[in-house]
Structures are given as structure tokens and as C-alpha cells.
Amino acid sequence: AVVSTQSTGKEREGLVERMNDEWTVIVKDLFKKETDIDLFTHLNVSLSTGERGRIDGSFGNSGKCKVYVEDGLSEDALTLLDKKKRKEGGGGKVVVKLVFKRFMFDKKKQMLQ
């Protein structure tokens, strides 16, 4: 039997809901509530402010996830995510992008980068 190695490139985007600390952020809208986030754990993501991070696991049970930022958040990101500035209308949105591949006939249904 010939196994096809066709892959589909996929991309997902979510928003940083809040910052836990300068190394960890909580992301919403990257996954649906029903999605098994464990399949995506340890995959790399990029933030719109230029940082790179990885998915650390789920947060709650509403499809949110924790993202560990490898080099810490930049000053720009800290300013955008500052709670006080958000209330005053000065905060902005930070987009998180996940790019991965899935092979069509993979029985394990792994996500690869």
C-alpha cells in the first residue's frame, strides 16, 4: 500500500486576553471550546509584537490557552497589555498566530511545524 504524504498547511489566530506575568500570557479565540488543546501543546506561536512563544496548555475550559514567551515580553507588548492603560483606552490588541501542518492520512493526527 502506498501511503500519501500530502499535508495541509493550517494557520490559526487568537488574541491575548491578558498577561499573567512577563513570561506568560492567556490567549483566547485560538481554539474552540471542544478542541483538545493537548494536541497543540508545545507548538510554537508568534505574537504580533514580534515575540516567539509556545503553547503551554489549556487555561480553564472555554478554549483559552497559556502561552509561554521564551524571551519574555518586550516593552511594547507590556505597554499594550498593561491593565491600567487598557482601561484608559490606550491599550491595544496583540494577535497570536499558530502555523502548523497536518498530514492527511496520519493515523495519530499529529500537528507538525
C-alpha atoms as a PDB file:
ATOM      1  CA  ALA A   1       0.000   0.000   0.000  1.00  0.00           C
ATOM      2  CA  VAL A   2       1.282   3.427  -0.931  1.00  0.00           C
ATOM      3  CA  VAL A   3       0.875   5.997   1.809  1.00  0.00           C
ATOM      4  CA  SER A   4       0.351   9.536   0.605  1.00  0.00           C
ATOM      5  CA  THR A   5       2.349  12.240   2.315  1.00  0.00           C
ATOM      6  CA  GLN A   6       0.019  15.067   1.394  1.00  0.00           C
ATOM      7  CA  SER A   7      -0.041  17.746   4.026  1.00  0.00           C
ATOM      8  CA  THR A   8      -2.320  20.650   4.647  1.00  0.00           C
ATOM      9  CA  GLY A   9      -0.813  23.852   5.945  1.00  0.00           C
ATOM     10  CA  LYS A  10      -3.011  25.431   8.562  1.00  0.00           C
ATOM     11  CA  GLU A  11      -2.970  28.719  10.403  1.00  0.00           C
ATOM     12  CA  ARG A  12      -4.895  29.898  13.436  1.00  0.00           C
ATOM     13  CA  GLU A  13      -5.111  33.281  15.101  1.00  0.00           C
ATOM     14  CA  GLY A  14      -6.175  34.325  18.562  1.00  0.00           C
ATOM     15  CA  LEU A  15      -5.926  37.347  20.841  1.00  0.00           C
ATOM     16  CA  VAL A  16      -4.006  37.847  24.047  1.00  0.00           C
ATOM     17  CA  GLU A  17      -6.700  38.268  26.675  1.00  0.00           C
ATOM     18  CA  ARG A  18      -4.342  39.200  29.491  1.00  0.00           C
ATOM     19  CA  MET A  19      -0.822  38.892  30.785  1.00  0.00           C
ATOM     20  CA  ASN A  20      -0.094  36.616  33.765  1.00  0.00           C
ATOM     21  CA  ASP A  21       3.474  37.814  34.127  1.00  0.00           C
ATOM     22  CA  GLU A  22       6.198  38.967  31.748  1.00  0.00           C
ATOM     23  CA  TRP A  23       6.739  35.363  30.585  1.00  0.00           C
ATOM     24  CA  THR A  24       3.153  34.052  30.300  1.00  0.00           C
ATOM     25  CA  VAL A  25       0.019  35.277  28.527  1.00  0.00           C
ATOM     26  CA  ILE A  26      -3.533  33.924  28.313  1.00  0.00           C
ATOM     27  CA  VAL A  27      -4.828  33.608  24.729  1.00  0.00           C
ATOM     28  CA  LYS A  28      -8.474  33.445  23.647  1.00  0.00           C
ATOM     29  CA  ASP A  29     -10.117  32.608  20.304  1.00  0.00           C
ATOM     30  CA  LEU A  30      -7.216  30.399  19.146  1.00  0.00           C
ATOM     31  CA  PHE A  31      -9.228  27.209  19.808  1.00  0.00           C
ATOM     32  CA  LYS A  32     -12.879  26.255  20.122  1.00  0.00           C
ATOM     33  CA  LYS A  33     -14.220  25.048  23.443  1.00  0.00           C
ATOM     34  CA  GLU A  34     -14.382  21.442  22.175  1.00  0.00           C
ATOM     35  CA  THR A  35     -10.778  21.348  20.893  1.00  0.00           C
ATOM     36  CA  ASP A  36      -8.312  19.077  22.666  1.00  0.00           C
ATOM     37  CA  ILE A  37      -5.567  21.620  23.353  1.00  0.00           C
ATOM     38  CA  ASP A  38      -3.186  18.832  24.438  1.00  0.00           C
ATOM     39  CA  LEU A  39      -2.692  18.064  20.716  1.00  0.00           C
ATOM     40  CA  PHE A  40      -1.255  21.562  20.261  1.00  0.00           C
ATOM     41  CA  THR A  41       0.847  21.752  23.446  1.00  0.00           C
ATOM     42  CA  HIS A  42       4.496  22.702  22.832  1.00  0.00           C
ATOM     43  CA  LEU A  43       3.830  24.079  19.335  1.00  0.00           C
ATOM     44  CA  ASN A  44       5.454  27.426  18.565  1.00  0.00           C
ATOM     45  CA  VAL A  45       3.435  30.612  18.126  1.00  0.00           C
ATOM     46  CA  SER A  46       4.341  34.164  17.186  1.00  0.00           C
ATOM     47  CA  LEU A  47       2.918  37.355  18.659  1.00  0.00           C
ATOM     48  CA  SER A  48       2.132  40.425  16.578  1.00  0.00           C
ATOM     49  CA  THR A  49       4.634  42.370  18.708  1.00  0.00           C
ATOM     50  CA  GLY A  50       7.458  40.142  17.411  1.00  0.00           C
ATOM     51  CA  GLU A  51       7.951  37.694  20.286  1.00  0.00           C
ATOM     52  CA  ARG A  52       8.011  33.934  19.858  1.00  0.00           C
ATOM     53  CA  GLY A  53       6.463  31.555  22.345  1.00  0.00           C
ATOM     54  CA  ARG A  54       4.992  28.101  22.762  1.00  0.00           C
ATOM     55  CA  ILE A  55       1.646  26.750  23.880  1.00  0.00           C
ATOM     56  CA  ASP A  56       1.935  25.595  27.480  1.00  0.00           C
ATOM     57  CA  GLY A  57      -1.505  24.030  27.922  1.00  0.00           C
ATOM     58  CA  SER A  58      -5.152  24.865  28.383  1.00  0.00           C
ATOM     59  CA  PHE A  59      -6.485  27.538  30.701  1.00  0.00           C
ATOM     60  CA  GLY A  60      -9.933  26.911  32.100  1.00  0.00           C
ATOM     61  CA  ASN A  61     -12.370  25.016  29.909  1.00  0.00           C
ATOM     62  CA  SER A  62     -13.522  27.650  27.439  1.00  0.00           C
ATOM     63  CA  GLY A  63     -10.857  27.127  24.759  1.00  0.00           C
ATOM     64  CA  LYS A  64      -8.300  29.501  26.230  1.00  0.00           C
ATOM     65  CA  CYS A  65      -4.651  28.522  26.479  1.00  0.00           C
ATOM     66  CA  LYS A  66      -1.464  29.602  28.224  1.00  0.00           C
ATOM     67  CA  VAL A  67       1.458  30.708  26.072  1.00  0.00           C
ATOM     68  CA  TYR A  68       4.990  30.857  27.472  1.00  0.00           C
ATOM     69  CA  VAL A  69       7.026  33.634  25.840  1.00  0.00           C
ATOM     70  CA  GLU A  70      10.610  32.362  25.568  1.00  0.00           C
ATOM     71  CA  ASP A  71      12.481  35.673  25.856  1.00  0.00           C
ATOM     72  CA  GLY A  72       9.856  37.489  27.910  1.00  0.00           C
ATOM     73  CA  LEU A  73       7.521  40.180  26.653  1.00  0.00           C
ATOM     74  CA  SER A  74       9.035  43.273  25.064  1.00  0.00           C
ATOM     75  CA  GLU A  75       8.414  46.782  26.388  1.00  0.00           C
ATOM     76  CA  ASP A  76       5.954  47.350  23.515  1.00  0.00           C
ATOM     77  CA  ALA A  77       3.948  44.263  24.440  1.00  0.00           C
ATOM     78  CA  LEU A  78       3.992  45.135  28.144  1.00  0.00           C
ATOM     79  CA  THR A  79       2.640  48.594  27.305  1.00  0.00           C
ATOM     80  CA  LEU A  80      -0.124  47.159  25.088  1.00  0.00           C
ATOM     81  CA  LEU A  81      -1.158  44.626  27.736  1.00  0.00           C
ATOM     82  CA  ASP A  82      -0.980  46.940  30.758  1.00  0.00           C
ATOM     83  CA  LYS A  83      -4.321  46.775  32.618  1.00  0.00           C
ATOM     84  CA  LYS A  84      -4.294  50.439  33.639  1.00  0.00           C
ATOM     85  CA  LYS A  85      -3.691  51.666  30.098  1.00  0.00           C
ATOM     86  CA  ARG A  86      -6.369  49.345  28.711  1.00  0.00           C
ATOM     87  CA  LYS A  87      -8.994  50.916  30.982  1.00  0.00           C
ATOM     88  CA  GLU A  88      -7.967  54.366  29.799  1.00  0.00           C
ATOM     89  CA  GLY A  89      -8.323  53.241  26.189  1.00  0.00           C
ATOM     90  CA  GLY A  90      -4.580  53.283  25.464  1.00  0.00           C
ATOM     91  CA  GLY A  91      -4.088  49.519  25.318  1.00  0.00           C
ATOM     92  CA  GLY A  92      -4.170  47.583  22.082  1.00  0.00           C
ATOM     93  CA  LYS A  93      -4.701  44.071  20.795  1.00  0.00           C
ATOM     94  CA  VAL A  94      -1.884  41.572  20.496  1.00  0.00           C
ATOM     95  CA  VAL A  95      -2.556  38.835  17.921  1.00  0.00           C
ATOM     96  CA  VAL A  96      -1.142  35.336  18.402  1.00  0.00           C
ATOM     97  CA  LYS A  97      -0.539  33.251  15.266  1.00  0.00           C
ATOM     98  CA  LEU A  98      -0.110  29.465  15.171  1.00  0.00           C
ATOM     99  CA  VAL A  99       1.129  27.903  11.908  1.00  0.00           C
ATOM    100  CA  PHE A 100       1.254  24.112  11.598  1.00  0.00           C
ATOM    101  CA  LYS A 101       0.852  21.169   9.200  1.00  0.00           C
ATOM    102  CA  ARG A 102      -1.264  18.055   9.369  1.00  0.00           C
ATOM    103  CA  PHE A 103      -0.676  15.052   7.172  1.00  0.00           C
ATOM    104  CA  MET A 104      -3.950  13.822   5.707  1.00  0.00           C
ATOM    105  CA  PHE A 105      -3.536  10.112   6.311  1.00  0.00           C
ATOM    106  CA  ASP A 106      -1.721  10.259   9.638  1.00  0.00           C
ATOM    107  CA  LYS A 107      -3.491   7.880  11.997  1.00  0.00           C
ATOM    108  CA  LYS A 108      -2.117   9.741  15.038  1.00  0.00           C
ATOM    109  CA  LYS A 109      -3.403  13.089  13.679  1.00  0.00           C
ATOM    110  CA  GLN A 110      -0.277  14.897  14.848  1.00  0.00           C
ATOM    111  CA  MET A 111       0.307  18.602  14.374  1.00  0.00           C
ATOM    112  CA  LEU A 112       3.793  19.348  12.980  1.00  0.00           C
ATOM    113  CA  GLN A 113       5.722  22.530  12.346  1.00  0.00           C
END
